[in-house]
Amino acid sequence: MTDRENIVPFPREPDGLEAVSPAGDAMRARFFEAMRMGEALVFASASPVPAKVLAERLPDGTDVSAVMEELRRLYEKRGVNLVRVGDSWAFRTADDLAFLMSRDAQQLRKLSRAALEVLAIIAYHQPVTRAEIEEIRGVETSKGTLDTLLETEWVRMRGRRRTPGRPVTYGTTDAFLDHFQLEELRDLPGVDELKGAGLLSARMPSNFSMPLPPRDADVLDASEDPLEDIDLEELGLLPPKADED
């Protein structure tokens, strides 16, 4: 086995296909080239790259999941790791070297207790409206608290609830998953983990349960309508259109 093969691992050849056969060599070459392309695309991007984008850029017929999982394995012992963020991929500093990034840590704004409470409610109960957040917290939630969370880009406006007044619904973003090192929303800590961390009372009622967030936060719930241009204008997220003559 050559040094190159020791460095760059490949998945096991399909049954009945010899690694030394021309067909086997061609398959390995295509897979390796797809890995190089996937690596380049993620490395060059300032934000996580969706699997859909990778599928569009990589050669037709590429098993994107297999390619990226092999890349992830290749990088797992290095200073930077390839991580999955929702349905996207990104390079991130290895956890044990995070202390080297102290400058970035200093730039993070410390959230108030109210903002942390609202963030937790949105994470576990999304899609959720401001009124529903206030009902869960038992106190009024200021617009400033929600604005702060929107500015962090950990929270976004998802859509409109199909109820009178059509209130805006809120949910988390891939940036939220990325910051808290979660692959998907279902990786959020459960009740037992929160109790162990002292974030929930150990004397919670026996029937207490927490909702399970959706696996795909980008898909609207059956109770939501998508935000349209007129909604974005009303919310100040889109400049008003000039009146036509």
Protein backbone atom coordinates (compact mmCIF):
# COMPACT_ATOMS: atom_id res chain seq x y z
CA MET A 1 0.00 0.00 0.00
CA THR A 2 1.38 3.42 -0.93
CA ASP A 3 1.80 6.37 1.43
CA ARG A 4 -0.98 8.21 -0.45
CA GLU A 5 -3.41 5.39 0.27
CA ASN A 6 -2.43 5.50 3.94
CA ILE A 7 -3.30 9.18 4.10
CA VAL A 8 -6.49 9.26 2.04
CA PRO A 9 -8.93 6.53 3.13
CA PHE A 10 -11.57 5.14 0.82
CA PRO A 11 -14.66 3.07 1.59
CA ARG A 12 -14.59 -0.68 1.06
CA GLU A 13 -14.94 -1.76 -2.54
CA PRO A 14 -18.38 -3.15 -3.50
CA ASP A 15 -18.68 -6.93 -3.26
CA GLY A 16 -17.27 -8.68 -6.31
CA LEU A 17 -15.21 -5.68 -7.45
CA GLU A 18 -11.46 -6.12 -7.04
CA ALA A 19 -9.53 -3.01 -6.00
CA VAL A 20 -6.85 -3.81 -8.56
CA SER A 21 -9.30 -4.01 -11.46
CA PRO A 22 -9.57 -1.11 -13.90
CA ALA A 23 -13.20 -0.62 -12.84
CA GLY A 24 -12.16 -0.51 -9.19
CA ASP A 25 -9.38 1.98 -9.89
CA ALA A 26 -11.77 4.20 -11.84
CA MET A 27 -14.33 4.13 -9.03
CA ARG A 28 -11.70 5.05 -6.45
CA ALA A 29 -10.42 7.86 -8.67
CA ARG A 30 -13.94 9.32 -9.11
CA PHE A 31 -14.63 9.10 -5.39
CA PHE A 32 -11.31 10.75 -4.52
CA GLU A 33 -11.93 13.55 -7.02
CA ALA A 34 -15.42 14.11 -5.56
CA MET A 35 -13.83 14.34 -2.09
CA ARG A 36 -11.36 16.96 -3.35
CA MET A 37 -14.18 18.97 -4.89
CA GLY A 38 -16.36 18.76 -1.79
CA GLU A 39 -13.40 19.77 0.38
CA ALA A 40 -12.69 22.79 -1.83
CA LEU A 41 -16.32 23.95 -1.87
CA VAL A 42 -16.66 23.83 1.92
CA PHE A 43 -13.23 25.35 2.54
CA ALA A 44 -13.93 28.31 0.24
CA SER A 45 -17.32 29.10 1.78
CA ALA A 46 -17.71 31.56 4.65
CA SER A 47 -20.90 29.80 5.74
CA PRO A 48 -22.01 26.15 5.97
CA VAL A 49 -22.60 24.63 2.52
CA PRO A 50 -25.97 22.88 2.07
CA ALA A 51 -25.90 19.29 0.82
CA LYS A 52 -28.19 20.43 -1.99
CA VAL A 53 -25.52 22.85 -3.24
CA LEU A 54 -22.87 20.15 -3.04
CA ALA A 55 -25.08 17.81 -5.07
CA GLU A 56 -25.43 20.50 -7.74
CA ARG A 57 -21.68 21.14 -7.91
CA LEU A 58 -20.30 17.60 -7.65
CA PRO A 59 -20.36 15.21 -10.64
CA ASP A 60 -23.70 13.63 -11.51
CA GLY A 61 -24.37 10.46 -9.60
CA THR A 62 -22.08 11.36 -6.69
CA ASP A 63 -23.17 9.95 -3.32
CA VAL A 64 -22.79 13.26 -1.48
CA SER A 65 -23.47 11.73 1.93
CA ALA A 66 -20.78 9.06 1.48
CA VAL A 67 -18.25 11.59 0.17
CA MET A 68 -18.79 14.05 3.02
CA GLU A 69 -18.84 11.36 5.71
CA GLU A 70 -15.51 10.07 4.40
CA LEU A 71 -14.13 13.61 4.50
CA ARG A 72 -15.43 14.01 8.03
CA ARG A 73 -13.57 10.83 9.07
CA LEU A 74 -10.42 12.09 7.37
CA TYR A 75 -10.50 15.36 9.35
CA GLU A 76 -11.65 14.06 12.74
CA LYS A 77 -8.09 13.93 14.21
CA ARG A 78 -6.91 17.22 12.74
CA GLY A 79 -6.84 20.80 13.98
CA VAL A 80 -9.95 21.58 11.97
CA ASN A 81 -12.89 19.20 11.76
CA LEU A 82 -15.54 18.84 9.09
CA VAL A 83 -18.90 19.05 10.84
CA ARG A 84 -22.52 18.71 9.76
CA VAL A 85 -24.75 21.68 10.59
CA GLY A 86 -28.34 20.74 9.94
CA ASP A 87 -28.27 19.72 6.28
CA SER A 88 -25.06 21.64 5.62
CA TRP A 89 -21.32 21.12 6.04
CA ALA A 90 -18.60 23.39 7.44
CA PHE A 91 -15.01 23.33 8.70
CA ARG A 92 -14.63 24.22 12.37
CA THR A 93 -11.74 24.35 14.84
CA ALA A 94 -11.37 21.10 16.81
CA ASP A 95 -13.09 21.31 20.19
CA ASP A 96 -9.89 20.81 22.19
CA LEU A 97 -8.27 23.76 20.40
CA ALA A 98 -11.14 26.20 20.96
CA PHE A 99 -9.04 28.08 23.54
CA LEU A 100 -6.88 29.35 20.68
CA MET A 101 -9.85 31.30 19.34
CA SER A 102 -10.12 33.60 22.39
CA ARG A 103 -10.48 36.71 20.21
CA ASP A 104 -13.67 35.35 18.64
CA ALA A 105 -15.03 34.40 22.05
CA GLN A 106 -14.57 37.97 23.29
CA GLN A 107 -16.70 39.30 20.44
CA LEU A 108 -19.80 37.37 21.56
CA ARG A 109 -22.36 39.49 23.31
CA LYS A 110 -23.51 38.15 26.66
CA LEU A 111 -27.25 37.48 26.50
CA SER A 112 -29.54 38.50 29.32
CA ARG A 113 -31.37 35.84 31.32
CA ALA A 114 -34.60 36.86 29.57
CA ALA A 115 -32.99 36.44 26.15
CA LEU A 116 -31.65 33.00 27.12
CA GLU A 117 -35.11 31.95 28.32
CA VAL A 118 -36.72 33.12 25.09
CA LEU A 119 -34.01 31.41 23.02
CA ALA A 120 -34.61 28.13 24.86
CA ILE A 121 -38.36 28.37 24.36
CA ILE A 122 -37.95 29.07 20.65
CA ALA A 123 -35.49 26.17 20.29
CA TYR A 124 -37.75 23.62 21.98
CA HIS A 125 -41.18 24.89 20.95
CA GLN A 126 -40.64 26.18 17.39
CA PRO A 127 -42.54 27.32 15.50
CA VAL A 128 -43.70 29.64 18.26
CA THR A 129 -45.26 33.13 18.36
CA ARG A 130 -44.46 35.96 20.74
CA ALA A 131 -47.79 35.42 22.55
CA GLU A 132 -46.99 31.72 22.96
CA ILE A 133 -43.54 32.59 24.34
CA GLU A 134 -45.15 34.92 26.88
CA GLU A 135 -47.67 32.24 27.86
CA ILE A 136 -44.86 29.76 28.52
CA ARG A 137 -42.70 32.27 30.43
CA GLY A 138 -45.60 33.79 32.31
CA VAL A 139 -44.28 37.31 31.71
CA GLU A 140 -44.31 39.81 28.86
CA THR A 141 -41.49 39.53 26.33
CA SER A 142 -40.11 42.83 25.09
CA LYS A 143 -39.55 43.46 21.41
CA GLY A 144 -35.96 44.33 22.30
CA THR A 145 -35.31 40.79 23.54
CA LEU A 146 -36.51 39.28 20.27
CA ASP A 147 -34.58 41.89 18.27
CA THR A 148 -31.39 40.93 20.14
CA LEU A 149 -31.89 37.27 19.27
CA LEU A 150 -32.58 38.15 15.64
CA GLU A 151 -29.36 40.18 15.56
CA THR A 152 -27.34 37.16 16.74
CA GLU A 153 -28.79 35.31 13.72
CA TRP A 154 -29.61 32.37 16.00
CA VAL A 155 -33.32 33.10 15.59
CA ARG A 156 -35.34 33.96 12.50
CA MET A 157 -38.89 34.82 11.54
CA ARG A 158 -40.32 31.64 10.01
CA GLY A 159 -43.81 32.54 8.80
CA ARG A 160 -47.30 33.59 9.86
CA ARG A 161 -49.56 31.53 12.12
CA ARG A 162 -52.88 30.66 10.51
CA THR A 163 -54.87 32.27 13.32
CA PRO A 164 -56.61 35.65 13.69
CA GLY A 165 -54.07 38.44 13.43
CA ARG A 166 -51.64 36.11 11.65
CA PRO A 167 -48.84 36.53 14.25
CA VAL A 168 -45.24 35.94 13.20
CA THR A 169 -43.69 32.58 14.13
CA TYR A 170 -40.08 32.24 15.26
CA GLY A 171 -37.57 29.44 14.93
CA THR A 172 -33.83 28.79 15.16
CA THR A 173 -31.28 28.90 12.34
CA ASP A 174 -28.31 26.84 11.18
CA ALA A 175 -26.13 29.46 12.90
CA PHE A 176 -27.77 28.41 16.19
CA LEU A 177 -26.93 24.75 15.50
CA ASP A 178 -23.41 25.71 14.48
CA HIS A 179 -22.72 27.78 17.60
CA PHE A 180 -24.03 25.13 20.00
CA GLN A 181 -22.37 22.31 18.01
CA LEU A 182 -25.59 20.50 17.17
CA GLU A 183 -26.09 18.56 13.95
CA GLU A 184 -29.88 18.90 14.13
CA LEU A 185 -32.58 20.10 16.51
CA ARG A 186 -33.18 16.59 17.81
CA ASP A 187 -29.71 16.75 19.37
CA LEU A 188 -30.94 19.34 21.89
CA PRO A 189 -30.52 18.13 25.50
CA GLY A 190 -33.45 16.16 26.91
CA VAL A 191 -35.17 16.56 30.28
CA ASP A 192 -32.74 14.27 32.13
CA GLU A 193 -29.72 16.10 30.74
CA LEU A 194 -31.15 19.50 31.68
CA LYS A 195 -31.88 18.27 35.21
CA GLY A 196 -28.34 16.92 35.49
CA ALA A 197 -26.96 20.30 34.46
CA GLY A 198 -29.11 22.03 37.08
CA LEU A 199 -31.17 23.86 34.47
CA LEU A 200 -34.40 22.11 35.51
CA SER A 201 -35.61 21.29 38.99
CA ALA A 202 -35.24 17.63 39.95
CA ARG A 203 -38.72 17.88 41.46
CA MET A 204 -40.53 18.49 38.19
CA PRO A 205 -43.98 16.81 37.95
CA SER A 206 -43.79 13.20 36.77
CA ASN A 207 -45.94 14.02 33.72
CA PHE A 208 -43.71 16.94 32.65
CA SER A 209 -42.42 16.63 29.12
CA MET A 210 -40.75 18.84 26.56
CA PRO A 211 -41.85 19.07 22.92
CA LEU A 212 -39.60 17.49 20.35
CA PRO A 213 -38.47 20.11 17.80
CA PRO A 214 -38.90 19.31 14.12
CA ARG A 215 -36.02 17.50 12.38
CA ASP A 216 -36.08 19.99 9.51
CA ALA A 217 -36.45 23.53 10.82
CA ASP A 218 -36.70 24.93 7.28
CA VAL A 219 -40.00 23.19 6.56
CA LEU A 220 -43.07 25.19 7.55
CA ASP A 221 -45.50 23.65 9.99
CA ALA A 222 -49.06 22.90 8.87
CA SER A 223 -50.20 25.85 11.01
CA GLU A 224 -47.94 28.35 9.21
CA ASP A 225 -48.10 30.39 6.03
CA PRO A 226 -44.86 31.52 4.36
CA LEU A 227 -43.72 35.11 4.70
CA GLU A 228 -44.52 37.04 1.53
CA ASP A 229 -43.09 40.32 0.27
CA ILE A 230 -45.93 42.31 1.83
CA ASP A 231 -45.19 40.65 5.18
CA LEU A 232 -41.49 41.43 4.87
CA GLU A 233 -42.29 45.07 4.08
CA GLU A 234 -44.59 45.27 7.11
CA LEU A 235 -41.89 43.75 9.34
CA GLY A 236 -39.26 46.15 8.01
CA LEU A 237 -37.27 43.36 6.38
CA LEU A 238 -37.83 44.58 2.83
CA PRO A 239 -37.83 48.15 1.51
CA PRO A 240 -41.31 49.29 0.37
CA LYS A 241 -41.86 49.06 -3.35
CA ALA A 242 -42.06 52.36 -5.20
CA ASP A 243 -45.51 53.24 -6.47
CA GLU A 244 -45.86 52.56 -10.15
CA ASP A 245 -46.92 55.46 -12.35
